[in-house]
Amino acid sequence: MPKFVFAYHGGKMPESPEEGAKVMAAWGAWFEELGDAVVDGGGPVGESRTVTAAGVSDGGGANPLSGYSVVNAENAEAAVAMAKGCPILDAGSVEVSEVLDM
C-alpha cells in the first residue's frame, strides 16, 4: 500500500498547559480515527534551516515545516481525505505527498 507524508505547516505552540492538553487530545483523537493507517505519527519539528548550493538560511523559507506524519492510504485521494480531519487545519495546512518506491 502506498505511503504518504503529511507535512504540517503553520500552527503555534500552546500558550498554557490547558491549551496544550486540548491540542494533544485533538491530535490523539485524529490519530485514533486513522488507526492502522498511521505508519509514523511523527511529531513537531524545531527551527528550520534551508541548505542550498549558495549557502544556508535560517527560518525555513516562506512556509516552514512545523511537523510531519507518515500514513498508508490506497491512493492520493484517500490520503487527502484523511488529512482533511487534521487538527492543524484550525491554524495551518497539511501538504500531502506520496512516498515513491525507488
N, C-alpha and C. Protein backbone atom coordinates (compact mmCIF):
# COMPACT_ATOMS: atom_id res chain seq x y z
N MET A 1 0.85 -1.18 0.00
CA MET A 1 0.00 0.00 0.00
C MET A 1 0.89 1.24 0.00
N PRO A 2 0.55 2.23 -0.78
CA PRO A 2 1.37 3.45 -0.83
C PRO A 2 1.43 4.18 0.51
N LYS A 3 2.58 4.81 0.75
CA LYS A 3 2.76 5.65 1.94
C LYS A 3 2.69 7.11 1.51
N PHE A 4 2.22 7.94 2.41
CA PHE A 4 2.11 9.37 2.17
C PHE A 4 2.67 10.13 3.37
N VAL A 5 3.42 11.18 3.08
CA VAL A 5 3.91 12.08 4.12
C VAL A 5 2.90 13.20 4.27
N PHE A 6 2.52 13.46 5.49
CA PHE A 6 1.73 14.65 5.81
C PHE A 6 2.73 15.66 6.38
N ALA A 7 2.99 16.73 5.65
CA ALA A 7 3.88 17.79 6.10
C ALA A 7 3.01 18.92 6.63
N TYR A 8 3.16 19.23 7.90
CA TYR A 8 2.34 20.26 8.54
C TYR A 8 3.03 21.60 8.47
N HIS A 9 2.24 22.62 8.14
CA HIS A 9 2.74 24.00 8.06
C HIS A 9 1.82 24.87 8.91
N GLY A 10 2.42 25.75 9.68
CA GLY A 10 1.63 26.68 10.48
C GLY A 10 1.38 26.13 11.87
N GLY A 11 0.36 26.67 12.51
CA GLY A 11 0.08 26.32 13.89
C GLY A 11 0.98 27.11 14.82
N LYS A 12 0.82 26.86 16.11
CA LYS A 12 1.63 27.56 17.10
C LYS A 12 1.71 26.71 18.35
N MET A 13 2.67 27.00 19.18
CA MET A 13 2.81 26.29 20.44
C MET A 13 1.68 26.73 21.38
N PRO A 14 1.11 25.80 22.14
CA PRO A 14 0.06 26.16 23.10
C PRO A 14 0.57 27.18 24.11
N GLU A 15 -0.32 28.08 24.51
CA GLU A 15 0.07 29.15 25.43
C GLU A 15 -0.12 28.79 26.90
N SER A 16 -0.79 27.67 27.17
CA SER A 16 -1.00 27.25 28.56
C SER A 16 -1.04 25.72 28.61
N PRO A 17 -0.86 25.16 29.79
CA PRO A 17 -0.97 23.70 29.91
C PRO A 17 -2.36 23.19 29.51
N GLU A 18 -3.38 23.98 29.83
CA GLU A 18 -4.75 23.58 29.47
C GLU A 18 -4.94 23.55 27.96
N GLU A 19 -4.42 24.57 27.28
CA GLU A 19 -4.50 24.61 25.82
C GLU A 19 -3.69 23.45 25.23
N GLY A 20 -2.53 23.16 25.81
CA GLY A 20 -1.71 22.05 25.36
C GLY A 20 -2.44 20.72 25.48
N ALA A 21 -3.13 20.52 26.59
CA ALA A 21 -3.89 19.28 26.79
C ALA A 21 -5.02 19.16 25.76
N LYS A 22 -5.67 20.28 25.47
CA LYS A 22 -6.75 20.28 24.47
C LYS A 22 -6.20 19.94 23.09
N VAL A 23 -5.07 20.53 22.72
CA VAL A 23 -4.45 20.27 21.42
C VAL A 23 -4.03 18.81 21.32
N MET A 24 -3.39 18.29 22.37
CA MET A 24 -2.94 16.90 22.35
C MET A 24 -4.13 15.94 22.26
N ALA A 25 -5.22 16.26 22.92
CA ALA A 25 -6.42 15.42 22.85
C ALA A 25 -6.97 15.39 21.42
N ALA A 26 -6.97 16.55 20.75
CA ALA A 26 -7.47 16.61 19.37
C ALA A 26 -6.59 15.76 18.44
N TRP A 27 -5.27 15.87 18.60
CA TRP A 27 -4.36 15.07 17.78
C TRP A 27 -4.53 13.59 18.09
N GLY A 28 -4.66 13.24 19.36
CA GLY A 28 -4.85 11.84 19.76
C GLY A 28 -6.12 11.26 19.17
N ALA A 29 -7.19 12.04 19.19
CA ALA A 29 -8.46 11.57 18.63
C ALA A 29 -8.34 11.36 17.11
N TRP A 30 -7.64 12.28 16.44
CA TRP A 30 -7.47 12.14 14.99
C TRP A 30 -6.63 10.91 14.66
N PHE A 31 -5.52 10.72 15.37
CA PHE A 31 -4.68 9.53 15.13
C PHE A 31 -5.46 8.25 15.42
N GLU A 32 -6.30 8.27 16.45
CA GLU A 32 -7.13 7.10 16.76
C GLU A 32 -8.09 6.82 15.60
N GLU A 33 -8.65 7.87 15.03
CA GLU A 33 -9.55 7.74 13.88
C GLU A 33 -8.82 7.13 12.68
N LEU A 34 -7.56 7.52 12.48
CA LEU A 34 -6.77 6.99 11.37
C LEU A 34 -6.37 5.54 11.60
N GLY A 35 -6.26 5.13 12.85
CA GLY A 35 -5.98 3.74 13.21
C GLY A 35 -4.69 3.20 12.62
N ASP A 36 -4.79 2.01 12.02
CA ASP A 36 -3.62 1.31 11.49
C ASP A 36 -3.00 2.00 10.28
N ALA A 37 -3.65 3.00 9.73
CA ALA A 37 -3.08 3.72 8.59
C ALA A 37 -1.83 4.50 9.00
N VAL A 38 -1.71 4.82 10.28
CA VAL A 38 -0.56 5.60 10.75
C VAL A 38 0.68 4.71 10.78
N VAL A 39 1.66 5.03 9.95
CA VAL A 39 2.94 4.32 9.91
C VAL A 39 3.89 4.93 10.93
N ASP A 40 3.94 6.26 10.96
CA ASP A 40 4.80 7.01 11.87
C ASP A 40 4.04 8.27 12.25
N GLY A 41 3.67 8.36 13.52
CA GLY A 41 2.93 9.54 13.97
C GLY A 41 3.73 10.82 13.86
N GLY A 42 5.04 10.69 13.70
CA GLY A 42 5.89 11.87 13.51
C GLY A 42 5.88 12.74 14.73
N GLY A 43 5.85 14.05 14.50
CA GLY A 43 5.86 14.99 15.60
C GLY A 43 6.18 16.38 15.11
N PRO A 44 6.20 17.33 16.03
CA PRO A 44 6.56 18.69 15.66
C PRO A 44 8.06 18.76 15.38
N VAL A 45 8.46 19.78 14.67
CA VAL A 45 9.88 19.98 14.37
C VAL A 45 10.32 21.34 14.92
N GLY A 46 11.61 21.46 15.12
CA GLY A 46 12.20 22.71 15.61
C GLY A 46 12.47 23.67 14.47
N GLU A 47 13.28 24.66 14.78
CA GLU A 47 13.62 25.68 13.79
C GLU A 47 14.24 25.05 12.55
N SER A 48 13.82 25.53 11.39
CA SER A 48 14.32 25.01 10.12
C SER A 48 15.49 25.83 9.59
N ARG A 49 16.39 25.15 8.90
CA ARG A 49 17.49 25.79 8.18
C ARG A 49 17.45 25.23 6.77
N THR A 50 17.52 26.08 5.79
CA THR A 50 17.48 25.67 4.40
C THR A 50 18.90 25.68 3.84
N VAL A 51 19.30 24.53 3.27
CA VAL A 51 20.64 24.38 2.73
C VAL A 51 20.55 24.32 1.21
N THR A 52 21.25 25.21 0.52
CA THR A 52 21.34 25.21 -0.94
C THR A 52 22.81 25.28 -1.34
N ALA A 53 23.06 25.18 -2.63
CA ALA A 53 24.43 25.30 -3.11
C ALA A 53 25.00 26.68 -2.80
N ALA A 54 24.11 27.68 -2.66
CA ALA A 54 24.54 29.05 -2.39
C ALA A 54 24.81 29.31 -0.90
N GLY A 55 24.37 28.41 -0.03
CA GLY A 55 24.60 28.62 1.39
C GLY A 55 23.46 28.11 2.25
N VAL A 56 23.39 28.63 3.45
CA VAL A 56 22.40 28.20 4.44
C VAL A 56 21.62 29.42 4.93
N SER A 57 20.29 29.26 5.02
CA SER A 57 19.47 30.34 5.57
C SER A 57 18.60 29.78 6.69
N ASP A 58 18.33 30.61 7.68
CA ASP A 58 17.50 30.22 8.81
C ASP A 58 16.04 30.49 8.51
N GLY A 59 15.17 29.79 9.23
CA GLY A 59 13.75 30.10 9.18
C GLY A 59 12.90 29.22 8.29
N GLY A 60 13.47 28.44 7.41
CA GLY A 60 12.67 27.52 6.62
C GLY A 60 11.91 28.12 5.45
N GLY A 61 12.17 29.34 5.10
CA GLY A 61 11.50 29.94 3.94
C GLY A 61 10.14 30.52 4.26
N ALA A 62 9.33 30.69 3.22
CA ALA A 62 8.05 31.38 3.34
C ALA A 62 7.01 30.58 4.13
N ASN A 63 7.10 29.25 4.10
CA ASN A 63 6.10 28.41 4.76
C ASN A 63 6.81 27.24 5.45
N PRO A 64 7.49 27.50 6.56
CA PRO A 64 8.34 26.47 7.17
C PRO A 64 7.53 25.27 7.68
N LEU A 65 8.18 24.14 7.66
CA LEU A 65 7.60 22.91 8.18
C LEU A 65 7.44 23.03 9.69
N SER A 66 6.28 22.58 10.21
CA SER A 66 6.09 22.59 11.66
C SER A 66 5.96 21.18 12.23
N GLY A 67 5.83 20.17 11.35
CA GLY A 67 5.75 18.79 11.82
C GLY A 67 5.46 17.86 10.66
N TYR A 68 5.37 16.57 10.96
CA TYR A 68 5.11 15.58 9.91
C TYR A 68 4.49 14.32 10.50
N SER A 69 3.88 13.51 9.64
CA SER A 69 3.44 12.15 9.94
C SER A 69 3.54 11.36 8.64
N VAL A 70 3.51 10.03 8.75
CA VAL A 70 3.50 9.15 7.58
C VAL A 70 2.34 8.19 7.74
N VAL A 71 1.53 8.05 6.68
CA VAL A 71 0.37 7.17 6.71
C VAL A 71 0.36 6.26 5.48
N ASN A 72 -0.36 5.15 5.59
CA ASN A 72 -0.68 4.32 4.44
C ASN A 72 -2.05 4.72 3.93
N ALA A 73 -2.20 4.76 2.61
CA ALA A 73 -3.51 5.05 2.01
C ALA A 73 -3.57 4.37 0.64
N GLU A 74 -4.76 4.04 0.20
CA GLU A 74 -4.95 3.38 -1.09
C GLU A 74 -4.43 4.23 -2.25
N ASN A 75 -4.63 5.56 -2.13
CA ASN A 75 -4.23 6.47 -3.20
C ASN A 75 -4.20 7.89 -2.64
N ALA A 76 -3.80 8.83 -3.49
CA ALA A 76 -3.68 10.23 -3.05
C ALA A 76 -5.01 10.79 -2.57
N GLU A 77 -6.09 10.44 -3.23
CA GLU A 77 -7.40 10.95 -2.83
C GLU A 77 -7.76 10.48 -1.42
N ALA A 78 -7.45 9.22 -1.10
CA ALA A 78 -7.72 8.69 0.23
C ALA A 78 -6.85 9.38 1.28
N ALA A 79 -5.59 9.64 0.92
CA ALA A 79 -4.70 10.35 1.85
C ALA A 79 -5.20 11.77 2.10
N VAL A 80 -5.64 12.45 1.06
CA VAL A 80 -6.18 13.80 1.21
C VAL A 80 -7.42 13.78 2.10
N ALA A 81 -8.27 12.78 1.92
CA ALA A 81 -9.47 12.67 2.76
C ALA A 81 -9.08 12.51 4.23
N MET A 82 -8.03 11.73 4.51
CA MET A 82 -7.54 11.58 5.88
C MET A 82 -7.05 12.92 6.42
N ALA A 83 -6.29 13.65 5.60
CA ALA A 83 -5.70 14.92 6.03
C ALA A 83 -6.76 15.96 6.35
N LYS A 84 -7.92 15.85 5.75
CA LYS A 84 -8.99 16.84 5.99
C LYS A 84 -9.48 16.84 7.43
N GLY A 85 -9.15 15.79 8.20
CA GLY A 85 -9.54 15.75 9.61
C GLY A 85 -8.46 16.24 10.55
N CYS A 86 -7.33 16.68 10.03
CA CYS A 86 -6.18 17.05 10.85
C CYS A 86 -6.46 18.29 11.70
N PRO A 87 -6.14 18.24 12.98
CA PRO A 87 -6.35 19.39 13.86
C PRO A 87 -5.59 20.65 13.47
N ILE A 88 -4.49 20.53 12.73
CA ILE A 88 -3.72 21.73 12.38
C ILE A 88 -4.49 22.64 11.44
N LEU A 89 -5.53 22.12 10.81
CA LEU A 89 -6.28 22.93 9.85
C LEU A 89 -6.95 24.13 10.50
N ASP A 90 -7.05 24.14 11.83
CA ASP A 90 -7.58 25.31 12.54
C ASP A 90 -6.64 26.50 12.43
N ALA A 91 -5.32 26.23 12.19
CA ALA A 91 -4.35 27.33 12.17
C ALA A 91 -3.23 27.12 11.16
N GLY A 92 -3.41 26.17 10.25
CA GLY A 92 -2.33 25.88 9.31
C GLY A 92 -2.81 25.00 8.17
N SER A 93 -1.88 24.23 7.60
CA SER A 93 -2.22 23.40 6.44
C SER A 93 -1.46 22.08 6.50
N VAL A 94 -1.90 21.14 5.66
CA VAL A 94 -1.24 19.84 5.52
C VAL A 94 -0.87 19.66 4.06
N GLU A 95 0.38 19.44 3.80
CA GLU A 95 0.85 19.10 2.46
C GLU A 95 0.91 17.58 2.40
N VAL A 96 0.26 16.97 1.40
CA VAL A 96 0.18 15.52 1.27
C VAL A 96 1.05 15.11 0.07
N SER A 97 2.06 14.25 0.32
CA SER A 97 2.96 13.81 -0.75
C SER A 97 3.16 12.30 -0.67
N GLU A 98 3.06 11.63 -1.81
CA GLU A 98 3.29 10.19 -1.85
C GLU A 98 4.79 9.89 -1.75
N VAL A 99 5.13 8.87 -0.98
CA VAL A 99 6.49 8.39 -0.90
C VAL A 99 6.67 7.41 -2.06
N LEU A 100 7.57 7.73 -2.97
CA LEU A 100 7.75 6.91 -4.16
C LEU A 100 8.75 5.79 -3.91
N ASP A 101 8.41 4.59 -4.38
CA ASP A 101 9.34 3.47 -4.31
C ASP A 101 10.44 3.69 -5.35
N MET A 102 11.68 3.46 -4.96
CA MET A 102 12.80 3.63 -5.88
C MET A 102 13.44 2.29 -6.13
